[in-house]
Amino acid sequence: MPPAVRVMISCGEPSGDLYAAALAREIRTQEPSAVLTGFGGARLRAAGADLIADFGGLSVTGVLEAARVLPRTYGIYRRLVASARAARPDVLVAIDFPDFNFTLARALKRLGIPIVYYISPQLWAWRSGRMKTMRRIADRVLVIFPFEERIYREAGVPVEWVGHPLLDVMPTPAPRPELAASLGLTPGVPVLALLPGSRRNEVRAILPPLAAAAALVRAQLPDVDVIVPRAPYVSDALLAPLASLPGRPAVIVDGRADDVLAAADVALVASGTATVQAALHDCPMVVVYRLSPVTYRIGRPFVRVNTFAMVNLVAGRAVVPERIQDDFVPERVAADALALLTNAAAAAEMRDALRDVRTRLGGPGASRRAADAVLAVARGARAGAMR
């Protein structure tokens, strides 16, 4: 009997952990004896992977923020390389998190371990010079948005579009009255959801203006319920800005972002995976983001797109309003939210556009297709080694 397939998976943040877990389960479905190791979070561990390191507290955005966690990051990198040298995985699956995973992938490539990059970073959007690095390190890139496939192929990178894994992991929501009751919402009132991101420095920068925007909405619509799904590793202290909300306290739930988006009339969402989640739930949204001023000034010259919201990129047009950096002020966000909460026709038009985005993302099965590709690379490497 041939030895079990060995797969190392590396992801550094909650959204990557979600996709990594779905991938791990599909690999195990096809190869029940597969040995899964790597770097991730609670979901990947629950899917059967033996974690060499956990990313708790490591996921940040920005140059200055990354510098603060550099010593721990380097320690994790060394442990992963040492494990790969000792245990020789058949393939490394790198999931997004490019600044770390590019470095790790280069090191394992030098050891002769093939690399599959899944949930590829948005090289077409900013720091496009990294495409050359991707071409050198990746044996295969698995992209989740349809427009990415052509970009990578034209750059000479082996690529396959597998579809978006959120379509596999998104639960079917309960009827809205049941959701409202289970979430502690007031029956029959509008619901405004705040999703300030999953990284702690994101929440620190984004939640205060979102809470201020919600207060302005409450000034016009006092009955609005405000709900916040708390991401893993987000402390009560980071949620303190919600205490200033007038009227009823904000409802805070641990996780359950899908339920929150299914129950919400409008969501104020930090740019990222949650915008795609909102689109899959047909939830009208306002997309926001803010980096530290230094990080924004350093990074802005490298950005090659005029829009940040993934739903707008997939649609090829402005489907949802974006309030980014200096444009992200409570008054403008509140005005956008009120326009959707008080104008049923505008909300319905946005829902129609979001359904088109969902169609463009492809059908279910992305995690299975990704597992097929990962195992094909692993088996190919084994066959090459035996020749």
Protein backbone atom coordinates (compact mmCIF):
# COMPACT_ATOMS: atom_id res chain seq x y z
CA MET A 1 0.00 0.00 0.00
CA PRO A 2 1.46 3.42 -0.93
CA PRO A 3 2.09 5.85 1.95
CA ALA A 4 -0.62 8.36 2.78
CA VAL A 5 -0.68 11.62 0.89
CA ARG A 6 0.81 14.43 3.00
CA VAL A 7 -0.62 17.93 2.54
CA MET A 8 0.62 21.05 4.33
CA ILE A 9 -1.85 23.96 4.39
CA SER A 10 -0.96 27.54 5.34
CA CYS A 11 -3.54 30.24 6.05
CA GLY A 12 -3.20 33.26 8.29
CA GLU A 13 -6.64 34.73 8.95
CA PRO A 14 -10.25 33.69 9.67
CA SER A 15 -11.56 33.77 6.10
CA GLY A 16 -8.63 31.65 4.94
CA ASP A 17 -9.27 29.27 7.84
CA LEU A 18 -12.85 28.82 6.64
CA TYR A 19 -11.72 27.91 3.13
CA ALA A 20 -8.85 25.77 4.39
CA ALA A 21 -11.22 23.72 6.53
CA ALA A 22 -13.58 23.15 3.60
CA LEU A 23 -10.62 22.09 1.45
CA ALA A 24 -9.30 19.76 4.16
CA ARG A 25 -12.67 18.03 4.47
CA GLU A 26 -12.83 17.48 0.70
CA ILE A 27 -9.28 16.10 0.62
CA ARG A 28 -10.19 13.70 3.42
CA THR A 29 -13.35 12.67 1.54
CA GLN A 30 -11.24 11.66 -1.46
CA GLU A 31 -8.22 10.42 0.52
CA PRO A 32 -9.36 9.33 4.00
CA SER A 33 -5.80 8.44 4.99
CA ALA A 34 -4.37 11.86 3.99
CA VAL A 35 -2.09 13.46 6.57
CA LEU A 36 -2.91 17.16 6.93
CA THR A 37 -0.61 19.59 8.72
CA GLY A 38 -0.02 23.30 8.70
CA PHE A 39 -0.70 26.80 9.92
CA GLY A 40 -4.26 27.95 10.54
CA GLY A 41 -7.02 28.34 13.09
CA ALA A 42 -9.75 26.48 14.92
CA ARG A 43 -11.71 25.54 11.79
CA LEU A 44 -8.73 23.90 10.08
CA ARG A 45 -7.92 22.01 13.28
CA ALA A 46 -11.53 20.82 13.55
CA ALA A 47 -11.34 19.59 9.95
CA GLY A 48 -8.58 17.19 10.96
CA ALA A 49 -5.34 19.06 10.40
CA ASP A 50 -2.49 18.83 12.88
CA LEU A 51 -1.60 22.51 13.38
CA ILE A 52 2.07 23.36 13.68
CA ALA A 53 1.04 26.93 14.56
CA ASP A 54 -2.14 28.94 15.18
CA PHE A 55 -2.59 32.40 13.66
CA GLY A 56 -4.44 33.86 16.65
CA GLY A 57 -3.38 37.49 17.07
CA LEU A 58 -1.15 37.39 13.99
CA SER A 59 -3.53 38.62 11.28
CA VAL A 60 -3.14 42.37 10.74
CA THR A 61 -3.23 44.89 7.91
CA GLY A 62 -0.65 47.57 7.22
CA VAL A 63 3.12 47.98 7.20
CA LEU A 64 3.48 49.25 10.75
CA GLU A 65 1.06 46.68 12.14
CA ALA A 66 2.89 43.82 10.41
CA ALA A 67 6.20 44.99 11.86
CA ARG A 68 4.86 44.56 15.39
CA VAL A 69 4.12 40.86 14.88
CA LEU A 70 7.26 40.15 12.84
CA PRO A 71 9.17 38.22 15.54
CA ARG A 72 6.31 35.78 16.09
CA THR A 73 5.72 35.53 12.34
CA TYR A 74 9.34 34.58 11.75
CA GLY A 75 9.19 31.97 14.50
CA ILE A 76 6.16 30.34 12.88
CA TYR A 77 7.85 30.42 9.48
CA ARG A 78 10.90 28.60 10.87
CA ARG A 79 8.74 25.93 12.51
CA LEU A 80 6.85 25.28 9.27
CA VAL A 81 10.03 25.01 7.21
CA ALA A 82 11.57 22.67 9.79
CA SER A 83 8.45 20.50 9.72
CA ALA A 84 8.48 20.39 5.91
CA ARG A 85 12.14 19.44 5.89
CA ALA A 86 11.53 16.62 8.36
CA ALA A 87 8.16 15.27 7.18
CA ARG A 88 8.32 16.12 3.42
CA PRO A 89 4.72 16.98 2.47
CA ASP A 90 3.73 16.09 -1.07
CA VAL A 91 2.33 19.58 -1.61
CA LEU A 92 2.01 22.94 0.14
CA VAL A 93 -1.35 24.68 -0.23
CA ALA A 94 -0.89 28.40 0.42
CA ILE A 95 -4.16 30.25 1.05
CA ASP A 96 -4.04 34.02 0.50
CA PHE A 97 -1.93 35.78 3.24
CA PRO A 98 0.72 36.64 0.63
CA ASP A 99 3.46 38.38 2.60
CA PHE A 100 3.88 35.28 4.76
CA ASN A 101 2.94 32.60 2.24
CA PHE A 102 5.22 33.88 -0.53
CA THR A 103 8.17 33.56 1.82
CA LEU A 104 7.10 30.13 3.00
CA ALA A 105 6.41 28.93 -0.55
CA ARG A 106 9.87 30.02 -1.74
CA ALA A 107 11.50 28.08 1.09
CA LEU A 108 9.51 24.90 0.43
CA LYS A 109 10.01 25.20 -3.31
CA ARG A 110 13.77 25.08 -2.66
CA LEU A 111 13.14 21.80 -0.82
CA GLY A 112 11.52 20.41 -3.96
CA ILE A 113 7.96 20.55 -2.58
CA PRO A 114 5.32 21.61 -5.15
CA ILE A 115 3.17 24.65 -4.40
CA VAL A 116 -0.56 25.15 -5.00
CA TYR A 117 -1.73 28.69 -4.31
CA TYR A 118 -5.44 28.75 -3.46
CA ILE A 119 -7.44 31.97 -2.94
CA SER A 120 -4.71 33.82 -4.77
CA PRO A 121 -3.89 37.33 -3.51
CA GLN A 122 -5.18 40.20 -5.61
CA LEU A 123 -1.97 40.71 -7.59
CA TRP A 124 -3.95 42.29 -10.41
CA ALA A 125 -5.17 45.00 -8.02
CA TRP A 126 -1.97 46.12 -6.32
CA ARG A 127 1.77 45.34 -6.25
CA SER A 128 1.47 43.65 -9.62
CA GLY A 129 5.22 42.94 -9.63
CA ARG A 130 4.45 40.01 -7.34
CA MET A 131 3.01 38.19 -10.37
CA LYS A 132 6.62 37.34 -11.33
CA THR A 133 7.08 35.79 -7.91
CA MET A 134 3.89 33.79 -8.34
CA ARG A 135 5.09 32.53 -11.70
CA ARG A 136 8.34 31.30 -10.09
CA ILE A 137 6.86 29.60 -7.03
CA ALA A 138 3.46 28.21 -8.01
CA ASP A 139 2.96 24.86 -9.72
CA ARG A 140 -0.73 25.75 -9.90
CA VAL A 141 -2.86 28.74 -8.88
CA LEU A 142 -6.52 28.17 -8.02
CA VAL A 143 -8.53 31.36 -8.43
CA ILE A 144 -12.03 32.00 -7.11
CA PHE A 145 -13.19 34.90 -9.30
CA PRO A 146 -13.86 34.30 -13.01
CA PHE A 147 -12.01 37.37 -14.30
CA GLU A 148 -8.78 36.28 -12.57
CA GLU A 149 -8.20 33.24 -14.76
CA ARG A 150 -7.39 35.25 -17.90
CA ILE A 151 -5.09 37.62 -15.99
CA TYR A 152 -2.98 34.79 -14.58
CA ARG A 153 -2.93 32.84 -17.82
CA GLU A 154 -1.72 35.87 -19.78
CA ALA A 155 1.03 36.31 -17.18
CA GLY A 156 2.21 32.74 -17.83
CA VAL A 157 1.01 31.32 -14.50
CA PRO A 158 -0.57 27.81 -14.44
CA VAL A 159 -4.11 28.64 -13.33
CA GLU A 160 -7.53 27.10 -12.82
CA TRP A 161 -10.77 28.83 -11.88
CA VAL A 162 -12.53 26.66 -9.30
CA GLY A 163 -15.31 29.04 -8.21
CA HIS A 164 -15.93 30.67 -4.85
CA PRO A 165 -15.84 28.35 -1.80
CA LEU A 166 -18.33 30.49 0.10
CA LEU A 167 -20.99 28.87 -2.06
CA ASP A 168 -20.04 25.55 -0.42
CA VAL A 169 -19.85 26.66 3.20
CA MET A 170 -22.67 29.20 3.38
CA PRO A 171 -25.52 27.65 5.39
CA THR A 172 -29.13 27.86 4.26
CA PRO A 173 -30.64 30.48 6.58
CA ALA A 174 -33.69 29.81 8.69
CA PRO A 175 -36.86 31.83 7.96
CA ARG A 176 -36.31 35.45 8.87
CA PRO A 177 -38.69 35.55 11.87
CA GLU A 178 -36.85 32.56 13.37
CA LEU A 179 -33.49 34.22 12.70
CA ALA A 180 -34.61 37.46 14.32
CA ALA A 181 -35.77 35.62 17.43
CA SER A 182 -32.60 33.51 17.70
CA LEU A 183 -30.41 36.61 17.30
CA GLY A 184 -32.29 38.61 19.91
CA LEU A 185 -33.66 41.18 17.45
CA THR A 186 -36.87 43.15 17.91
CA PRO A 187 -39.68 41.70 15.77
CA GLY A 188 -40.81 43.81 12.85
CA VAL A 189 -38.17 46.57 12.92
CA PRO A 190 -35.44 47.36 10.35
CA VAL A 191 -32.08 45.72 11.00
CA LEU A 192 -28.72 47.39 10.38
CA ALA A 193 -25.70 45.06 10.54
CA LEU A 194 -22.16 46.28 11.21
CA LEU A 195 -19.30 44.06 10.01
CA PRO A 196 -16.05 45.87 10.88
CA GLY A 197 -13.66 43.10 9.80
CA SER A 198 -11.97 40.15 11.44
CA ARG A 199 -8.53 41.53 12.23
CA ARG A 200 -8.14 43.38 15.49
CA ASN A 201 -6.47 46.43 13.96
CA GLU A 202 -9.26 46.55 11.35
CA VAL A 203 -11.91 46.59 14.06
CA ARG A 204 -9.98 49.25 15.98
CA ALA A 205 -9.92 51.55 12.92
CA ILE A 206 -13.30 50.75 11.37
CA LEU A 207 -15.79 50.14 14.18
CA PRO A 208 -15.77 53.65 15.76
CA PRO A 209 -16.94 55.42 12.57
CA LEU A 210 -19.40 52.60 11.87
CA ALA A 211 -20.86 53.00 15.36
CA ALA A 212 -21.09 56.76 14.79
CA ALA A 213 -22.84 56.16 11.46
CA ALA A 214 -25.30 53.81 13.18
CA ALA A 215 -26.02 56.53 15.75
CA LEU A 216 -26.83 58.97 12.94
CA VAL A 217 -29.15 56.38 11.36
CA ARG A 218 -30.86 55.96 14.73
CA ALA A 219 -31.38 59.72 14.88
CA GLN A 220 -33.55 59.42 11.76
CA LEU A 221 -34.97 55.93 12.34
CA PRO A 222 -35.06 55.35 16.12
CA ASP A 223 -36.52 51.84 15.84
CA VAL A 224 -33.60 50.39 13.86
CA ASP A 225 -31.94 47.38 15.50
CA VAL A 226 -28.14 47.32 15.23
CA ILE A 227 -26.37 43.97 15.24
CA VAL A 228 -22.68 43.05 15.12
CA PRO A 229 -21.28 39.54 14.50
CA ARG A 230 -18.08 39.30 16.55
CA ALA A 231 -15.18 37.70 14.68
CA PRO A 232 -12.81 35.31 16.48
CA TYR A 233 -10.10 37.02 18.58
CA VAL A 234 -12.09 40.30 18.82
CA SER A 235 -12.29 41.34 22.47
CA ASP A 236 -15.01 43.21 24.34
CA ALA A 237 -12.66 46.19 24.58
CA LEU A 238 -12.54 46.49 20.80
CA LEU A 239 -16.34 46.62 20.73
CA ALA A 240 -16.50 49.45 23.29
CA PRO A 241 -17.49 52.12 20.69
CA LEU A 242 -20.90 50.43 20.48
CA ALA A 243 -21.67 51.56 24.03
CA SER A 244 -22.28 55.11 22.79
CA LEU A 245 -25.12 54.02 20.52
CA PRO A 246 -28.34 55.82 21.54
CA GLY A 247 -31.46 53.82 22.34
CA ARG A 248 -31.37 50.03 22.51
CA PRO A 249 -27.92 48.47 22.92
CA ALA A 250 -26.38 46.88 19.87
CA VAL A 251 -26.91 43.13 19.65
CA ILE A 252 -23.53 41.36 19.65
CA VAL A 253 -23.33 37.72 18.61
CA ASP A 254 -20.28 35.50 18.40
CA GLY A 255 -19.76 34.53 14.78
CA ARG A 256 -23.00 33.80 12.89
CA ALA A 257 -22.17 36.35 10.18
CA ASP A 258 -24.32 34.44 7.68
CA ASP A 259 -27.34 34.54 9.99
CA VAL A 260 -26.77 38.24 10.64
CA LEU A 261 -26.58 39.05 6.93
CA ALA A 262 -29.66 36.95 6.20
CA ALA A 263 -31.59 38.87 8.88
CA ALA A 264 -30.32 42.37 8.00
CA ASP A 265 -32.03 44.94 5.82
CA VAL A 266 -28.74 46.79 5.24
CA ALA A 267 -25.14 46.00 6.19
CA LEU A 268 -22.16 48.30 6.68
CA VAL A 269 -19.30 46.03 5.70
CA ALA A 270 -15.51 46.28 5.80
CA SER A 271 -14.08 45.53 2.37
CA GLY A 272 -13.14 41.87 2.11
CA THR A 273 -14.74 38.44 2.21
CA ALA A 274 -17.80 39.71 4.09
CA THR A 275 -18.85 41.75 1.06
CA VAL A 276 -19.14 38.52 -0.93
CA GLN A 277 -21.04 36.92 1.96
CA ALA A 278 -23.46 39.83 1.94
CA ALA A 279 -23.92 39.49 -1.82
CA LEU A 280 -24.71 35.79 -1.47
CA HIS A 281 -27.45 36.72 1.00
CA ASP A 282 -28.80 39.49 -1.31
CA CYS A 283 -28.16 41.94 1.52
CA PRO A 284 -27.89 45.59 0.45
CA MET A 285 -24.63 47.04 1.73
CA VAL A 286 -22.27 49.97 2.05
CA VAL A 287 -18.61 48.97 1.78
CA VAL A 288 -16.06 50.80 3.93
CA TYR A 289 -12.37 50.60 4.72
CA ARG A 290 -9.64 52.53 6.45
CA LEU A 291 -5.91 51.91 6.86
CA SER A 292 -3.48 53.87 8.97
CA PRO A 293 -2.51 57.09 7.12
CA VAL A 294 1.10 55.94 6.76
CA THR A 295 0.15 52.54 5.36
CA TYR A 296 -2.34 54.12 2.94
CA ARG A 297 0.20 56.65 1.65
CA ILE A 298 2.79 53.91 1.13
CA GLY A 299 0.40 51.51 -0.57
CA ARG A 300 -1.81 53.77 -2.70
CA PRO A 301 0.68 54.31 -5.56
CA PHE A 302 0.78 50.53 -6.09
CA VAL A 303 -3.00 50.11 -6.42
CA ARG A 304 -4.12 49.52 -10.01
CA VAL A 305 -7.91 49.48 -9.64
CA ASN A 306 -10.39 52.29 -9.09
CA THR A 307 -12.77 50.24 -6.98
CA PHE A 308 -12.13 48.21 -3.83
CA ALA A 309 -15.36 46.31 -3.20
CA MET A 310 -15.12 42.80 -4.61
CA VAL A 311 -18.79 42.81 -5.59
CA ASN A 312 -18.15 45.85 -7.79
CA LEU A 313 -15.11 44.17 -9.35
CA VAL A 314 -17.07 41.01 -10.11
CA ALA A 315 -20.03 42.97 -11.48
CA GLY A 316 -17.78 45.22 -13.56
CA ARG A 317 -19.69 48.27 -12.38
CA ALA A 318 -20.61 50.20 -9.24
CA VAL A 319 -23.25 48.01 -7.60
CA VAL A 320 -22.68 49.12 -3.99
CA PRO A 321 -21.38 52.42 -2.58
CA GLU A 322 -17.78 52.48 -1.31
CA ARG A 323 -16.46 54.75 1.42
CA ILE A 324 -12.70 54.31 1.59
CA GLN A 325 -10.08 56.11 3.71
CA ASP A 326 -10.83 59.89 3.81
CA ASP A 327 -14.26 59.29 2.26
CA PHE A 328 -15.11 56.96 5.13
CA VAL A 329 -16.86 59.40 7.47
CA PRO A 330 -19.97 58.64 9.55
CA GLU A 331 -22.18 61.24 7.85
CA ARG A 332 -21.65 59.78 4.37
CA VAL A 333 -22.01 56.18 5.49
CA ALA A 334 -25.20 57.03 7.38
CA ALA A 335 -26.63 58.80 4.34
CA ASP A 336 -25.91 55.73 2.17
CA ALA A 337 -27.52 53.44 4.74
CA LEU A 338 -30.60 55.63 5.13
CA ALA A 339 -31.06 55.75 1.35
CA LEU A 340 -31.33 51.96 1.34
CA LEU A 341 -33.42 51.69 4.51
CA THR A 342 -35.98 54.26 3.40
CA ASN A 343 -36.13 53.64 -0.36
CA ALA A 344 -37.52 50.19 -1.12
CA ALA A 345 -36.93 50.58 -4.85
CA ALA A 346 -33.24 51.39 -4.37
CA ALA A 347 -32.80 48.40 -2.06
CA ALA A 348 -34.59 46.10 -4.52
CA GLU A 349 -32.41 47.34 -7.39
CA MET A 350 -29.27 46.56 -5.38
CA ARG A 351 -30.57 43.10 -4.50
CA ASP A 352 -31.11 42.38 -8.21
CA ALA A 353 -27.53 43.44 -8.93
CA LEU A 354 -26.21 41.27 -6.10
CA ARG A 355 -28.05 38.25 -7.50
CA ASP A 356 -26.17 38.84 -10.77
CA VAL A 357 -22.89 38.88 -8.82
CA ARG A 358 -23.81 35.56 -7.22
CA THR A 359 -24.45 34.05 -10.66
CA ARG A 360 -21.04 35.23 -11.87
CA LEU A 361 -19.29 33.45 -9.00
CA GLY A 362 -20.14 30.02 -10.40
CA GLY A 363 -21.96 27.13 -8.79
CA PRO A 364 -21.20 25.07 -5.68
CA GLY A 365 -18.33 22.60 -5.65
CA ALA A 366 -15.33 24.96 -5.47
CA SER A 367 -13.81 23.13 -2.49
CA ARG A 368 -14.14 19.78 -4.24
CA ARG A 369 -12.56 21.14 -7.42
CA ALA A 370 -9.75 22.66 -5.39
CA ALA A 371 -9.16 19.32 -3.63
CA ASP A 372 -9.04 17.57 -7.03
CA ALA A 373 -6.35 20.00 -8.16
CA VAL A 374 -4.31 19.73 -4.94
CA LEU A 375 -4.34 15.94 -5.02
CA ALA A 376 -3.45 15.90 -8.72
CA VAL A 377 -0.36 18.01 -8.02
CA ALA A 378 0.58 15.83 -5.03
CA ARG A 379 0.19 12.60 -7.00
CA GLY A 380 2.10 14.04 -9.92
CA ALA A 381 4.98 14.94 -7.65
CA ARG A 382 5.01 11.42 -6.22
CA ALA A 383 4.99 9.83 -9.66
CA GLY A 384 7.88 12.08 -10.72
CA ALA A 385 9.88 11.16 -7.65
CA MET A 386 9.42 7.44 -8.36
CA ARG A 387 10.71 7.67 -11.93
